């Protein structure tokens, strides 16, 4: 009997001498495998939704913070306008500022919908805008002066894919970097640059680095070095980047004086792998 039947080749028939002429052991086992595969698929989808909701919670807090400022400005301008309703020049100036603040609110709403909506088709989007949103999600609440943030962005970079999913990836990586930062002399760096038909993104921190024992399994589910981590963020990020025809990799060091981690992403500018 060819043992390769157990690794994907047609399984051999088993003949029994005790009352049956022929039967396949795999026929009785196969439904169990199919059922487990279906359950695994459901579990993976549940993990994706769980992780997305976790990011959504932080995103909601950042959105409230961003919405509050233009709303406060609009309220103040309405009050000032009502104090001198007959001053046409002042009313006109106030209305122009109110209009700009309303446009800002509309832009915040558009970004929020892009994150929460399940996007059926990939489309072009500004990667710099997405990166700025991810940074605001996780850095706006930190004490002033605690972290030195270095951003190297072009004015705009058009990438192609599902905007909400890429925001999820960048949000995961920025959050991981922030969590790894030391209490003193914390440094966070993010860079976006174009290389041919690819966009390259680097996200770096000067934290303690990733333990050597964890590095080989870093993109596998439930691999985490954080006490309260779930270990699904990087796994999902890898899946998202694969679906977009991109890549995700990292470098990390725990050597004194050179501690830190850099995650490197690539994305196509004009096309996406859907699957």
Foldseek 3Di string as FASTA:
>chain_A
DDPCCVPPPPHDWDADDPPDGTDDPVVVVVVVVVVVVVVVVVVVVVVVVVLLVVLLVLLVVLLVVQLVVLVVLLVVLVVVCVVCVPPVVSVVVSVVSNVVSVVVNVVSVVLSCLQPDDDPAKAKDWVVVLLVSLCSSAPVPDPPPQEAEEEAEDPTAIAIGRSNLVSLLSNLLNNVQVVQADRHHKYWYWYWDDDPQKIKIKTKIQGQWDDPVQQVCLLPAQRDPDPPDRSHSSVSSQVRQVQFVKHKDKDADRDPPRGMMMIMIMGGRPGGHHD
